[in-house]
Amino acid sequence: MPKSIIDGLFGKSPISPLQQHMTSVHSCISELKGFMVAIHEKNWTEAEAIRGTIGHKEGEADILKKKLRLSLPSTFMMPFSRRDLLDLLLIQDSIANITKDVSGLMINRKMTLPNEIFDDVIELTDVCIKTSAAALKAVNELDELLETAFGNRERKVVSSIIEDVNELESESDKIQHVIRAKLFPLEQGLPPVDVMFYYRAVEWLGELADAAQKVGSRLEVLLAK
């Protein structure tokens, strides 16, 4: 049967657009380390340029999200529901949104990082990017899962990637704890408003890893079905 007829009967597969969206999302968060280095060095021109790139990439991800939501068929021959895919799409999108928010907060306030926590913040940023990369890798396995009819071997591959995502998210929690512990004794020597925003920035970085971990959790739900 011609592919166009199959598409007409069952609806086009949304997997490829979903993967494209996650690729765009990861491209957005990948800019964050360079941004952190730039603000620490007070290179505001570079920081503004990277912030602009993050905003552009977040906008591209948003366009892909809207296109997928509008084109997603109400019925298609897949082992998971439209609601499952929409939930996964929104979780993916939150990674780009948080990246835009944290970079916006820091550039608008011209936030520089205390030397005592800079290396830890860079480490946390690296872990967030790695968590997103692992989540992208898992999402990119969805088409293989479908082609193998959710075969046992492919399930194990995806489950292993999800374990990596969970471990990276746990690592991010540990680094956040270290940063907060180092910030506490510095509080008296820093402007109170700055301290508040340092904690907020660290919290948002943690939310990036959490969001990537939620992508893995949602995929686990799909596997269970």
Protein backbone atom coordinates (compact mmCIF):
# COMPACT_ATOMS: atom_id res chain seq x y z
CA MET A 1 0.00 0.00 0.00
CA PRO A 2 1.45 3.46 -0.89
CA LYS A 3 2.83 5.40 2.07
CA SER A 4 0.50 8.36 1.45
CA ILE A 5 -2.53 6.08 1.77
CA ILE A 6 -1.18 4.62 5.00
CA ASP A 7 -0.66 8.13 6.34
CA GLY A 8 -4.20 9.01 5.41
CA LEU A 9 -5.61 5.99 7.18
CA PHE A 10 -3.53 6.01 10.34
CA GLY A 11 -1.99 9.46 10.58
CA LYS A 12 1.65 10.40 10.19
CA SER A 13 4.04 9.23 12.85
CA PRO A 14 4.87 12.04 15.30
CA ILE A 15 8.13 10.44 16.42
CA SER A 16 10.44 12.26 14.02
CA PRO A 17 9.04 15.75 14.88
CA LEU A 18 9.30 14.87 18.57
CA GLN A 19 12.96 13.94 18.09
CA GLN A 20 13.58 17.14 16.13
CA HIS A 21 12.06 19.13 18.98
CA MET A 22 14.27 17.44 21.58
CA THR A 23 17.31 18.04 19.36
CA SER A 24 16.42 21.75 19.24
CA VAL A 25 15.89 21.81 23.02
CA HIS A 26 19.30 20.23 23.64
CA SER A 27 20.92 22.68 21.25
CA CYS A 28 19.51 25.45 23.44
CA ILE A 29 20.84 24.13 26.76
CA SER A 30 24.22 23.35 25.17
CA GLU A 31 24.88 27.10 25.01
CA LEU A 32 24.66 27.49 28.77
CA LYS A 33 28.25 26.65 29.77
CA GLY A 34 29.74 29.30 27.48
CA PHE A 35 27.22 31.76 28.89
CA MET A 36 28.26 31.00 32.48
CA VAL A 37 31.94 31.46 31.63
CA ALA A 38 31.21 34.77 29.89
CA ILE A 39 29.31 36.29 32.81
CA HIS A 40 31.97 35.16 35.27
CA GLU A 41 34.58 36.95 33.16
CA LYS A 42 32.23 39.97 32.90
CA ASN A 43 32.35 39.64 29.14
CA TRP A 44 28.88 41.12 28.74
CA THR A 45 29.13 41.39 24.95
CA GLU A 46 29.76 37.66 24.66
CA ALA A 47 27.14 36.89 27.31
CA GLU A 48 24.54 38.99 25.49
CA ALA A 49 25.37 37.23 22.21
CA ILE A 50 24.98 33.79 23.77
CA ARG A 51 21.79 34.90 25.51
CA GLY A 52 20.47 35.96 22.11
CA THR A 53 21.39 32.56 20.65
CA ILE A 54 19.60 30.81 23.52
CA GLY A 55 16.51 32.94 22.93
CA HIS A 56 16.58 32.18 19.20
CA LYS A 57 16.95 28.45 19.76
CA GLU A 58 14.20 28.45 22.39
CA GLY A 59 11.98 30.18 19.84
CA GLU A 60 12.78 27.52 17.24
CA ALA A 61 11.90 24.79 19.74
CA ASP A 62 8.64 26.60 20.48
CA ILE A 63 7.74 26.71 16.79
CA LEU A 64 8.43 22.96 16.47
CA LYS A 65 6.29 22.33 19.55
CA LYS A 66 3.36 24.29 18.14
CA LYS A 67 3.64 22.61 14.73
CA LEU A 68 3.64 19.16 16.31
CA ARG A 69 0.68 19.95 18.56
CA LEU A 70 -1.34 21.25 15.61
CA SER A 71 -0.45 18.38 13.28
CA LEU A 72 -0.64 15.53 15.78
CA PRO A 73 -3.43 13.21 14.59
CA SER A 74 -6.10 12.22 17.07
CA THR A 75 -5.58 8.58 16.11
CA PHE A 76 -2.51 6.74 14.87
CA MET A 77 -1.29 3.18 14.96
CA MET A 78 1.06 3.37 17.94
CA PRO A 79 1.31 1.67 21.33
CA PHE A 80 0.95 4.95 23.21
CA SER A 81 -1.62 7.69 23.29
CA ARG A 82 -1.75 11.24 21.97
CA ARG A 83 -1.81 12.44 25.58
CA ASP A 84 1.42 10.58 26.34
CA LEU A 85 3.19 12.28 23.44
CA LEU A 86 1.87 15.72 24.34
CA ASP A 87 3.05 15.27 27.92
CA LEU A 88 6.51 14.27 26.70
CA LEU A 89 6.58 17.25 24.33
CA LEU A 90 5.75 19.71 27.13
CA ILE A 91 8.42 18.25 29.41
CA GLN A 92 11.00 18.54 26.65
CA ASP A 93 9.95 22.12 26.00
CA SER A 94 10.41 23.06 29.67
CA ILE A 95 14.17 22.45 29.30
CA ALA A 96 14.47 25.19 26.67
CA ASN A 97 12.15 27.48 28.66
CA ILE A 98 14.19 27.16 31.87
CA THR A 99 17.44 27.69 29.96
CA LYS A 100 16.04 30.92 28.55
CA ASP A 101 14.79 32.00 31.99
CA VAL A 102 18.02 31.38 33.89
CA SER A 103 20.16 33.09 31.23
CA GLY A 104 17.72 36.01 31.15
CA LEU A 105 17.81 36.38 34.92
CA MET A 106 21.59 36.39 35.05
CA ILE A 107 22.18 38.76 32.14
CA ASN A 108 19.50 41.24 33.23
CA ARG A 109 21.03 41.51 36.69
CA LYS A 110 24.61 41.37 35.35
CA MET A 111 25.18 38.53 37.80
CA THR A 112 28.76 37.42 38.32
CA LEU A 113 29.50 34.24 40.24
CA PRO A 114 31.57 34.28 43.44
CA ASN A 115 34.92 32.58 42.84
CA GLU A 116 34.16 30.17 45.68
CA ILE A 117 31.27 28.57 43.76
CA PHE A 118 32.22 29.20 40.12
CA ASP A 119 33.82 25.79 39.47
CA ASP A 120 30.87 24.04 41.10
CA VAL A 121 28.35 26.01 39.03
CA ILE A 122 30.25 25.07 35.87
CA GLU A 123 30.25 21.43 36.99
CA LEU A 124 26.50 21.64 37.64
CA THR A 125 25.95 23.19 34.22
CA ASP A 126 27.98 20.41 32.60
CA VAL A 127 25.89 17.78 34.36
CA CYS A 128 22.66 19.48 33.26
CA ILE A 129 23.86 19.45 29.64
CA LYS A 130 24.90 15.78 29.93
CA THR A 131 21.49 14.89 31.41
CA SER A 132 19.76 16.59 28.49
CA ALA A 133 22.08 14.79 26.03
CA ALA A 134 21.19 11.44 27.60
CA ALA A 135 17.48 12.29 27.44
CA LEU A 136 17.90 13.18 23.75
CA LYS A 137 19.64 9.86 23.16
CA ALA A 138 16.70 8.04 24.75
CA VAL A 139 14.13 9.96 22.69
CA ASN A 140 16.10 9.15 19.53
CA GLU A 141 15.62 5.45 20.30
CA LEU A 142 11.83 5.71 20.02
CA ASP A 143 11.75 4.93 16.30
CA GLU A 144 13.94 1.87 16.90
CA LEU A 145 11.51 0.76 19.58
CA LEU A 146 8.63 1.00 17.14
CA GLU A 147 10.48 -0.76 14.33
CA THR A 148 11.28 -3.68 16.64
CA ALA A 149 7.73 -3.70 18.06
CA PHE A 150 9.14 -2.82 21.49
CA GLY A 151 11.53 -5.77 21.33
CA ASN A 152 13.30 -6.86 24.47
CA ARG A 153 16.78 -5.86 23.28
CA GLU A 154 15.71 -2.33 22.35
CA ARG A 155 13.80 -1.99 25.62
CA LYS A 156 17.02 -2.81 27.47
CA VAL A 157 18.93 -0.20 25.46
CA VAL A 158 16.41 2.52 26.33
CA SER A 159 16.20 1.40 29.96
CA SER A 160 20.00 1.64 30.24
CA ILE A 161 19.96 5.19 28.86
CA ILE A 162 17.20 6.14 31.30
CA GLU A 163 19.34 4.79 34.15
CA ASP A 164 22.13 7.10 32.97
CA VAL A 165 19.69 10.02 33.00
CA ASN A 166 18.63 9.20 36.56
CA GLU A 167 22.23 8.92 37.76
CA LEU A 168 23.13 12.27 36.22
CA GLU A 169 20.11 13.92 37.84
CA SER A 170 21.18 12.51 41.22
CA GLU A 171 24.66 13.91 40.61
CA SER A 172 23.14 17.33 39.96
CA ASP A 173 21.35 17.15 43.32
CA LYS A 174 24.68 16.49 45.07
CA ILE A 175 26.39 19.41 43.35
CA GLN A 176 23.52 21.74 44.26
CA HIS A 177 23.96 20.73 47.90
CA VAL A 178 27.68 21.54 47.69
CA ILE A 179 26.99 24.97 46.17
CA ARG A 180 24.41 25.85 48.82
CA ALA A 181 26.80 24.76 51.57
CA LYS A 182 29.49 27.03 50.13
CA LEU A 183 27.09 29.94 49.67
CA PHE A 184 25.86 29.89 53.26
CA PRO A 185 29.07 31.21 54.89
CA LEU A 186 29.40 33.83 52.13
CA GLU A 187 25.97 35.35 52.74
CA GLN A 188 27.06 37.98 55.26
CA GLY A 189 29.59 39.45 52.85
CA LEU A 190 27.24 39.64 49.86
CA PRO A 191 24.26 41.91 49.12
CA PRO A 192 21.13 40.07 50.33
CA VAL A 193 19.35 40.50 47.00
CA ASP A 194 22.34 38.98 45.18
CA VAL A 195 22.35 36.02 47.55
CA MET A 196 18.66 35.43 46.87
CA PHE A 197 19.26 35.38 43.12
CA TYR A 198 22.31 33.09 43.44
CA TYR A 199 20.12 30.54 45.17
CA ARG A 200 17.42 31.04 42.54
CA ALA A 201 19.88 30.51 39.69
CA VAL A 202 21.17 27.30 41.29
CA GLU A 203 17.60 26.13 41.78
CA TRP A 204 16.80 26.73 38.11
CA LEU A 205 19.91 24.83 37.04
CA GLY A 206 18.71 21.93 39.16
CA GLU A 207 15.31 22.16 37.50
CA LEU A 208 17.01 21.69 34.12
CA ALA A 209 18.38 18.31 35.23
CA ASP A 210 15.00 17.50 36.80
CA ALA A 211 13.21 18.24 33.53
CA ALA A 212 15.60 16.03 31.57
CA GLN A 213 15.06 13.28 34.14
CA LYS A 214 11.29 13.68 33.69
CA VAL A 215 11.76 13.02 29.96
CA GLY A 216 13.29 9.69 30.94
CA SER A 217 10.50 9.00 33.41
CA ARG A 218 7.88 9.67 30.75
CA LEU A 219 9.66 7.27 28.39
CA GLU A 220 9.56 4.66 31.15
CA VAL A 221 5.79 5.09 31.25
CA LEU A 222 5.63 4.56 27.49
CA LEU A 223 7.73 1.40 27.81
CA ALA A 224 5.45 0.10 30.54
CA LYS A 225 2.47 0.45 28.20
